[in-house]
Amino acid sequence: MKLFTYADQYLKQSSWKDLALVKFCLCAMGVLIGLAVPRSRRRQFAFGAAVVFLTTYLPLMSKFAHVVVQTRREEELAAAEETADTAAEE
């Protein structure tokens, strides 16, 4: 699907700041939609929103934690290599 190709390209050209703006925009849209929900159906919509939030948030945070751990390992390896290179030069 072409839309996904465009989305992938957009993400490659974006920074975390751009993604934060997208998230604020989507959050504002959600608030506006929530304000339009009749009071009698708010509990159902809240439950649905909670399910969507949890099923998307947990995998995202898992991936983020994996990236943090991987980046720290790479930084530690780079620092160890730099220390070894410095020691070898002396």
C-alpha atoms as a PDB file:
ATOM      1  CA  MET A   1       0.000   0.000   0.000  1.00  0.00           C
ATOM      2  CA  LYS A   2       1.439   3.351  -1.052  1.00  0.00           C
ATOM      3  CA  LEU A   3       0.325   5.135   2.121  1.00  0.00           C
ATOM      4  CA  PHE A   4       2.642   2.973   4.258  1.00  0.00           C
ATOM      5  CA  THR A   5       5.553   3.710   1.922  1.00  0.00           C
ATOM      6  CA  TYR A   6       4.907   7.431   2.331  1.00  0.00           C
ATOM      7  CA  ALA A   7       4.601   7.026   6.103  1.00  0.00           C
ATOM      8  CA  ASP A   8       7.928   5.150   6.270  1.00  0.00           C
ATOM      9  CA  GLN A   9       9.622   7.869   4.242  1.00  0.00           C
ATOM     10  CA  TYR A  10       8.107  10.586   6.451  1.00  0.00           C
ATOM     11  CA  LEU A  11       9.418   8.849   9.565  1.00  0.00           C
ATOM     12  CA  LYS A  12      12.902   8.557   8.087  1.00  0.00           C
ATOM     13  CA  GLN A  13      12.920  12.318   7.561  1.00  0.00           C
ATOM     14  CA  SER A  14      11.432  13.156  10.986  1.00  0.00           C
ATOM     15  CA  SER A  15      12.936  13.693  14.401  1.00  0.00           C
ATOM     16  CA  TRP A  16      11.458  12.859  17.783  1.00  0.00           C
ATOM     17  CA  LYS A  17      10.146  16.427  17.902  1.00  0.00           C
ATOM     18  CA  ASP A  18       8.032  15.847  14.800  1.00  0.00           C
ATOM     19  CA  LEU A  19       6.641  12.666  16.301  1.00  0.00           C
ATOM     20  CA  ALA A  20       5.853  14.515  19.544  1.00  0.00           C
ATOM     21  CA  LEU A  21       3.840  17.049  17.537  1.00  0.00           C
ATOM     22  CA  VAL A  22       1.937  14.232  15.831  1.00  0.00           C
ATOM     23  CA  LYS A  23       1.156  12.744  19.237  1.00  0.00           C
ATOM     24  CA  PHE A  24      -0.066  16.075  20.633  1.00  0.00           C
ATOM     25  CA  CYS A  25      -2.248  16.487  17.573  1.00  0.00           C
ATOM     26  CA  LEU A  26      -3.743  13.011  17.983  1.00  0.00           C
ATOM     27  CA  CYS A  27      -4.257  13.568  21.698  1.00  0.00           C
ATOM     28  CA  ALA A  28      -6.127  16.822  21.008  1.00  0.00           C
ATOM     29  CA  MET A  29      -8.255  15.036  18.424  1.00  0.00           C
ATOM     30  CA  GLY A  30      -9.048  12.346  20.980  1.00  0.00           C
ATOM     31  CA  VAL A  31     -10.082  14.939  23.534  1.00  0.00           C
ATOM     32  CA  LEU A  32     -12.364  16.608  21.001  1.00  0.00           C
ATOM     33  CA  ILE A  33     -13.938  13.277  20.087  1.00  0.00           C
ATOM     34  CA  GLY A  34     -14.322  12.465  23.780  1.00  0.00           C
ATOM     35  CA  LEU A  35     -16.142  15.726  24.392  1.00  0.00           C
ATOM     36  CA  ALA A  36     -18.615  14.795  21.660  1.00  0.00           C
ATOM     37  CA  VAL A  37     -19.461  11.395  23.198  1.00  0.00           C
ATOM     38  CA  PRO A  38     -22.847  11.389  24.935  1.00  0.00           C
ATOM     39  CA  ARG A  39     -22.563  11.096  28.716  1.00  0.00           C
ATOM     40  CA  SER A  40     -24.503   7.819  28.674  1.00  0.00           C
ATOM     41  CA  ARG A  41     -21.846   6.142  26.464  1.00  0.00           C
ATOM     42  CA  ARG A  42     -18.674   7.603  28.007  1.00  0.00           C
ATOM     43  CA  ARG A  43     -17.925   4.517  30.090  1.00  0.00           C
ATOM     44  CA  GLN A  44     -17.929   2.307  26.985  1.00  0.00           C
ATOM     45  CA  PHE A  45     -15.664   4.707  25.103  1.00  0.00           C
ATOM     46  CA  ALA A  46     -13.348   5.016  28.102  1.00  0.00           C
ATOM     47  CA  PHE A  47     -13.027   1.233  28.305  1.00  0.00           C
ATOM     48  CA  GLY A  48     -12.299   1.000  24.566  1.00  0.00           C
ATOM     49  CA  ALA A  49      -9.724   3.781  24.810  1.00  0.00           C
ATOM     50  CA  ALA A  50      -8.039   2.053  27.776  1.00  0.00           C
ATOM     51  CA  VAL A  51      -7.814  -1.219  25.844  1.00  0.00           C
ATOM     52  CA  VAL A  52      -6.300   0.519  22.804  1.00  0.00           C
ATOM     53  CA  PHE A  53      -3.898   2.463  25.022  1.00  0.00           C
ATOM     54  CA  LEU A  54      -2.619  -0.624  26.816  1.00  0.00           C
ATOM     55  CA  THR A  55      -2.314  -2.769  23.701  1.00  0.00           C
ATOM     56  CA  THR A  56      -0.246  -0.067  21.983  1.00  0.00           C
ATOM     57  CA  TYR A  57       1.661   1.459  24.917  1.00  0.00           C
ATOM     58  CA  LEU A  58       3.099  -1.761  26.307  1.00  0.00           C
ATOM     59  CA  PRO A  59       4.766  -2.910  23.043  1.00  0.00           C
ATOM     60  CA  LEU A  60       6.048   0.618  22.389  1.00  0.00           C
ATOM     61  CA  MET A  61       7.651   0.865  25.826  1.00  0.00           C
ATOM     62  CA  SER A  62       9.072  -2.637  25.488  1.00  0.00           C
ATOM     63  CA  LYS A  63      10.738  -1.646  22.222  1.00  0.00           C
ATOM     64  CA  PHE A  64      11.989   1.612  23.775  1.00  0.00           C
ATOM     65  CA  ALA A  65      13.515  -0.275  26.713  1.00  0.00           C
ATOM     66  CA  HIS A  66      15.199  -2.663  24.261  1.00  0.00           C
ATOM     67  CA  VAL A  67      16.678   0.283  22.335  1.00  0.00           C
ATOM     68  CA  VAL A  68      17.957   1.871  25.564  1.00  0.00           C
ATOM     69  CA  VAL A  69      19.659  -1.354  26.666  1.00  0.00           C
ATOM     70  CA  GLN A  70      21.141  -1.940  23.206  1.00  0.00           C
ATOM     71  CA  THR A  71      22.426   1.643  22.965  1.00  0.00           C
ATOM     72  CA  ARG A  72      24.028   1.460  26.408  1.00  0.00           C
ATOM     73  CA  ARG A  73      25.791  -1.779  25.475  1.00  0.00           C
ATOM     74  CA  GLU A  74      27.096  -0.231  22.268  1.00  0.00           C
ATOM     75  CA  GLU A  75      28.323   2.831  24.191  1.00  0.00           C
ATOM     76  CA  GLU A  76      30.058   0.619  26.753  1.00  0.00           C
ATOM     77  CA  LEU A  77      31.743  -1.404  24.003  1.00  0.00           C
ATOM     78  CA  ALA A  78      32.880   1.766  22.239  1.00  0.00           C
ATOM     79  CA  ALA A  79      34.278   3.160  25.505  1.00  0.00           C
ATOM     80  CA  ALA A  80      36.066  -0.119  26.238  1.00  0.00           C
ATOM     81  CA  GLU A  81      37.579  -0.168  22.749  1.00  0.00           C
ATOM     82  CA  GLU A  82      38.697   3.439  23.120  1.00  0.00           C
ATOM     83  CA  THR A  83      40.312   2.630  26.473  1.00  0.00           C
ATOM     84  CA  ALA A  84      42.060  -0.408  24.953  1.00  0.00           C
ATOM     85  CA  ASP A  85      43.306   1.678  22.023  1.00  0.00           C
ATOM     86  CA  THR A  86      44.637   4.367  24.373  1.00  0.00           C
ATOM     87  CA  ALA A  87      46.385   1.757  26.522  1.00  0.00           C
ATOM     88  CA  ALA A  88      47.927   0.133  23.428  1.00  0.00           C
ATOM     89  CA  GLU A  89      49.325   3.482  22.261  1.00  0.00           C
ATOM     90  CA  GLU A  90      51.107   4.026  25.570  1.00  0.00           C
END
